[in-house]
Amino acid sequence: MKSNPGFIFSGKTTNDVLKQVWSTIQTKGHEYQSQRGPVRSIKGTMMVITDPLNEAKNYPYWDKTSDDWYQDNFVRKATNTPPETLKSGSDIYAYKYVWRSRYYDGGVGHVKGVVEVFKKAGVNTIDFKNKQELVALLKKAYQLYHPELILAVLSWKGKDLLNFYLENPKILDVELKRSRRDTLQSVIDEIKSSSASRRAITPSFTYEQIDHSGAAGGVPVYQNYQLYVNFDK
């Protein structure tokens, strides 16, 4: 008895391929009885989707044009600029896929960034006593750093420690240098050392100290910074 060499199904989308599979099962499938009744099946199948990026199911919320814009600006954006680097007109949003997929510092870089923002705004001492004074402090800094992130760092480190960093910035530099890790390089080094290592992994993209501190604490971290307050309006 000649064995069936199998089937290859090829199409642009998942639906195209599945239509071929369904038709083949109906015409060439082996029928047998199961506990739930007659069943047809085929064996030895390969399914090839030739144009997966145009799959309609990839865009349940946005159309492809909108999705491509989001990917280009927030995911594939070719920048590894550290969060403490302040440049006029730079992206103030705290969660950057490109940066976090390569480096990890537990949020210390953002602490450094907040300290730099305050220094740039002429804030030498953090000493707000009520909500109005806190809002006034945020107004001085929000155009360079996301206000949700400033609040998260204030909640994490507190006024006393941030004032200490303002007075002793070199200590924060040392802490940042000790905390920051090039995750890609660490994986490469680990594999070079032991090709069968189970430690060649990258850490979570989440900084627990700052990513779930604010009003949007229960949502995915990248959404936590999509809400932006314009204090000038």
Protein backbone atom coordinates (compact mmCIF):
# COMPACT_ATOMS: atom_id res chain seq x y z
CA MET A 1 0.00 0.00 0.00
CA LYS A 2 1.46 3.32 -1.08
CA SER A 3 1.77 5.82 1.77
CA ASN A 4 0.51 9.38 1.45
CA PRO A 5 3.50 11.76 1.23
CA GLY A 6 1.46 14.52 2.86
CA PHE A 7 0.05 17.87 1.82
CA ILE A 8 1.43 21.37 1.36
CA PHE A 9 -1.03 24.25 1.58
CA SER A 10 0.09 27.73 0.57
CA GLY A 11 -1.77 31.04 0.53
CA LYS A 12 -1.46 34.73 1.27
CA THR A 13 -3.51 34.65 4.48
CA THR A 14 -4.55 32.21 7.16
CA ASN A 15 -8.09 32.10 5.76
CA ASP A 16 -6.80 31.23 2.29
CA VAL A 17 -4.80 28.32 3.68
CA LEU A 18 -7.57 27.04 5.94
CA LYS A 19 -10.04 26.97 3.03
CA GLN A 20 -7.65 24.66 1.18
CA VAL A 21 -7.23 22.48 4.25
CA TRP A 22 -10.98 22.19 4.76
CA SER A 23 -11.58 21.27 1.11
CA THR A 24 -8.85 18.62 1.23
CA ILE A 25 -10.19 17.11 4.46
CA GLN A 26 -13.62 16.76 2.87
CA THR A 27 -12.34 15.15 -0.33
CA LYS A 28 -9.28 13.18 0.80
CA GLY A 29 -9.57 12.86 4.55
CA HIS A 30 -9.51 9.45 6.19
CA GLU A 31 -12.82 8.77 7.92
CA TYR A 32 -13.07 6.93 11.21
CA GLN A 33 -15.46 6.70 14.13
CA SER A 34 -14.77 8.57 17.33
CA GLN A 35 -16.68 8.86 20.58
CA ARG A 36 -18.37 11.93 19.15
CA GLY A 37 -19.22 10.42 15.79
CA PRO A 38 -17.55 10.18 12.36
CA VAL A 39 -14.35 12.18 11.90
CA ARG A 40 -12.21 12.95 8.86
CA SER A 41 -8.52 13.75 9.15
CA ILE A 42 -5.40 14.18 7.06
CA LYS A 43 -1.81 13.66 8.12
CA GLY A 44 1.55 15.10 7.15
CA THR A 45 0.49 18.68 6.46
CA MET A 46 2.52 21.85 5.98
CA MET A 47 0.81 25.24 5.93
CA VAL A 48 2.61 28.24 4.41
CA ILE A 49 1.28 31.80 4.79
CA THR A 50 3.07 33.98 2.25
CA ASP A 51 1.79 37.45 3.24
CA PRO A 52 1.11 37.36 7.01
CA LEU A 53 1.52 41.12 7.55
CA ASN A 54 -1.60 41.81 5.50
CA GLU A 55 -3.71 39.41 7.51
CA ALA A 56 -6.95 41.25 8.34
CA LYS A 57 -7.06 39.67 11.81
CA ASN A 58 -3.77 41.43 12.65
CA TYR A 59 -5.68 44.71 12.84
CA PRO A 60 -8.72 44.18 15.09
CA TYR A 61 -8.69 47.78 16.37
CA TRP A 62 -6.77 49.90 13.84
CA ASP A 63 -6.39 49.67 10.08
CA LYS A 64 -2.98 48.75 8.66
CA THR A 65 -1.98 52.38 7.96
CA SER A 66 -2.62 53.43 11.57
CA ASP A 67 -0.92 50.34 12.92
CA ASP A 68 2.17 50.92 10.76
CA TRP A 69 2.37 54.51 12.05
CA TYR A 70 2.24 53.29 15.65
CA GLN A 71 4.88 50.63 15.01
CA ASP A 72 7.21 53.10 13.27
CA ASN A 73 6.93 55.74 16.00
CA PHE A 74 6.75 53.71 19.20
CA VAL A 75 8.17 50.26 18.50
CA ARG A 76 10.62 50.38 15.59
CA LYS A 77 11.85 53.89 16.29
CA ALA A 78 15.60 53.67 15.88
CA THR A 79 16.67 55.31 19.11
CA ASN A 80 18.51 53.95 22.10
CA THR A 81 18.58 57.31 23.87
CA PRO A 82 18.76 56.74 27.65
CA PRO A 83 15.83 58.06 29.70
CA GLU A 84 18.04 60.56 31.52
CA THR A 85 19.08 62.29 28.28
CA LEU A 86 17.15 65.54 27.85
CA LYS A 87 16.94 67.18 24.44
CA SER A 88 14.64 69.90 23.21
CA GLY A 89 11.73 68.38 21.32
CA SER A 90 12.58 64.82 22.33
CA ASP A 91 9.97 62.17 23.05
CA ILE A 92 8.78 62.69 26.62
CA TYR A 93 6.96 59.38 26.86
CA ALA A 94 8.62 57.15 29.37
CA TYR A 95 8.02 53.71 27.90
CA LYS A 96 10.20 53.12 24.84
CA TYR A 97 10.26 49.61 23.43
CA VAL A 98 13.63 50.06 21.72
CA TRP A 99 15.37 51.18 24.91
CA ARG A 100 13.82 48.63 27.24
CA SER A 101 14.35 45.73 24.85
CA ARG A 102 18.10 46.39 25.01
CA TYR A 103 18.87 47.91 28.42
CA TYR A 104 17.59 47.45 31.96
CA ASP A 105 18.28 49.56 35.03
CA GLY A 106 15.21 49.00 37.20
CA GLY A 107 14.11 52.61 36.74
CA VAL A 108 17.23 54.33 38.08
CA GLY A 109 17.73 56.04 34.71
CA HIS A 110 14.33 57.65 35.11
CA VAL A 111 15.29 58.85 38.59
CA LYS A 112 18.34 60.46 37.03
CA GLY A 113 16.09 61.96 34.35
CA VAL A 114 13.71 63.48 36.89
CA VAL A 115 16.62 64.97 38.85
CA GLU A 116 18.02 66.45 35.62
CA VAL A 117 14.60 67.88 34.75
CA PHE A 118 14.32 69.61 38.12
CA LYS A 119 17.85 71.03 37.81
CA LYS A 120 17.07 72.30 34.32
CA ALA A 121 13.88 73.92 35.64
CA GLY A 122 15.82 75.65 38.42
CA VAL A 123 14.41 73.47 41.20
CA ASN A 124 17.19 73.01 43.74
CA THR A 125 15.00 71.75 46.58
CA ILE A 126 11.78 69.73 46.43
CA ASP A 127 9.59 71.07 49.21
CA PHE A 128 5.92 71.01 48.22
CA LYS A 129 3.44 70.90 51.10
CA ASN A 130 0.10 70.45 49.36
CA LYS A 131 -1.54 69.54 46.06
CA GLN A 132 -1.32 73.06 44.67
CA GLU A 133 2.43 73.23 45.27
CA LEU A 134 2.88 69.78 43.74
CA VAL A 135 0.99 70.86 40.61
CA ALA A 136 3.18 73.97 40.44
CA LEU A 137 6.25 71.71 40.58
CA LEU A 138 4.89 69.52 37.76
CA LYS A 139 4.21 72.60 35.63
CA LYS A 140 7.91 73.41 35.71
CA ALA A 141 8.93 70.00 34.43
CA TYR A 142 6.14 68.32 32.47
CA GLN A 143 7.24 69.55 29.02
CA LEU A 144 10.46 67.56 29.34
CA TYR A 145 9.26 64.55 31.32
CA HIS A 146 5.93 62.79 31.53
CA PRO A 147 4.08 63.99 34.68
CA GLU A 148 2.99 60.44 35.54
CA LEU A 149 6.65 59.43 35.59
CA ILE A 150 7.64 62.37 37.79
CA LEU A 151 4.92 61.40 40.25
CA ALA A 152 6.05 57.77 40.18
CA VAL A 153 9.66 58.71 40.95
CA LEU A 154 8.53 61.07 43.73
CA SER A 155 6.46 58.26 45.22
CA TRP A 156 9.29 55.74 44.90
CA LYS A 157 12.25 57.76 46.19
CA GLY A 158 10.54 60.45 48.25
CA LYS A 159 11.47 64.10 48.69
CA ASP A 160 14.38 63.57 51.07
CA LEU A 161 16.26 61.14 48.84
CA LEU A 162 15.62 63.16 45.68
CA ASN A 163 16.90 66.29 47.44
CA PHE A 164 19.99 64.30 48.39
CA TYR A 165 20.50 63.39 44.73
CA LEU A 166 20.02 67.03 43.74
CA GLU A 167 22.83 67.97 46.12
CA ASN A 168 25.01 64.94 45.26
CA PRO A 169 24.43 64.07 41.58
CA LYS A 170 27.65 62.04 41.31
CA ILE A 171 26.30 59.47 43.78
CA LEU A 172 23.28 58.93 41.55
CA ASP A 173 25.63 58.54 38.57
CA VAL A 174 27.46 55.75 40.40
CA GLU A 175 24.18 54.06 41.32
CA LEU A 176 22.99 54.28 37.72
CA LYS A 177 26.21 52.82 36.37
CA ARG A 178 25.92 49.93 38.80
CA SER A 179 22.26 49.30 37.98
CA ARG A 180 22.26 49.52 34.19
CA ARG A 181 22.66 46.34 32.22
CA ASP A 182 23.05 45.76 28.50
CA THR A 183 20.75 42.74 28.30
CA LEU A 184 21.71 41.82 24.76
CA GLN A 185 25.41 41.80 25.60
CA SER A 186 24.78 39.76 28.74
CA VAL A 187 22.96 37.12 26.68
CA ILE A 188 25.81 37.00 24.16
CA ASP A 189 28.40 36.66 26.92
CA GLU A 190 26.40 33.91 28.63
CA ILE A 191 26.04 31.88 25.43
CA LYS A 192 29.73 32.28 24.69
CA SER A 193 30.50 30.97 28.15
CA SER A 194 28.03 28.08 27.99
CA SER A 195 26.04 27.33 24.85
CA ALA A 196 23.55 25.21 26.83
CA SER A 197 22.98 27.85 29.51
CA ARG A 198 19.47 28.46 30.81
CA ARG A 199 20.47 31.91 32.06
CA ALA A 200 20.73 33.48 28.60
CA ILE A 201 17.52 35.43 29.06
CA THR A 202 16.50 39.07 29.14
CA PRO A 203 14.64 40.57 32.11
CA SER A 204 11.10 41.88 32.09
CA PHE A 205 10.45 45.18 30.33
CA THR A 206 8.59 46.26 33.47
CA TYR A 207 10.07 48.53 36.11
CA GLU A 208 7.95 47.64 39.12
CA GLN A 209 9.04 50.74 41.06
CA ILE A 210 7.66 53.24 38.55
CA ASP A 211 5.36 51.53 36.04
CA HIS A 212 2.41 50.78 38.31
CA SER A 213 2.48 53.77 40.63
CA GLY A 214 -0.16 56.07 39.20
CA ALA A 215 -3.79 56.32 38.18
CA ALA A 216 -3.36 53.75 35.43
CA GLY A 217 -1.68 51.21 37.68
CA GLY A 218 -3.76 48.25 36.54
CA VAL A 219 -3.16 48.53 32.80
CA PRO A 220 -0.19 47.32 30.71
CA VAL A 221 2.80 49.51 31.42
CA TYR A 222 3.14 50.99 27.95
CA GLN A 223 -0.45 52.29 28.26
CA ASN A 224 0.35 53.88 31.61
CA TYR A 225 2.07 56.77 29.82
CA GLN A 226 -0.32 57.31 26.91
CA LEU A 227 -2.44 59.61 29.08
CA TYR A 228 -0.83 63.03 29.05
CA VAL A 229 -1.85 66.18 30.94
CA ASN A 230 -1.22 69.58 29.40
CA PHE A 231 -0.83 71.87 32.40
CA ASP A 232 -0.90 74.98 30.21
CA LYS A 233 -4.61 74.49 29.41
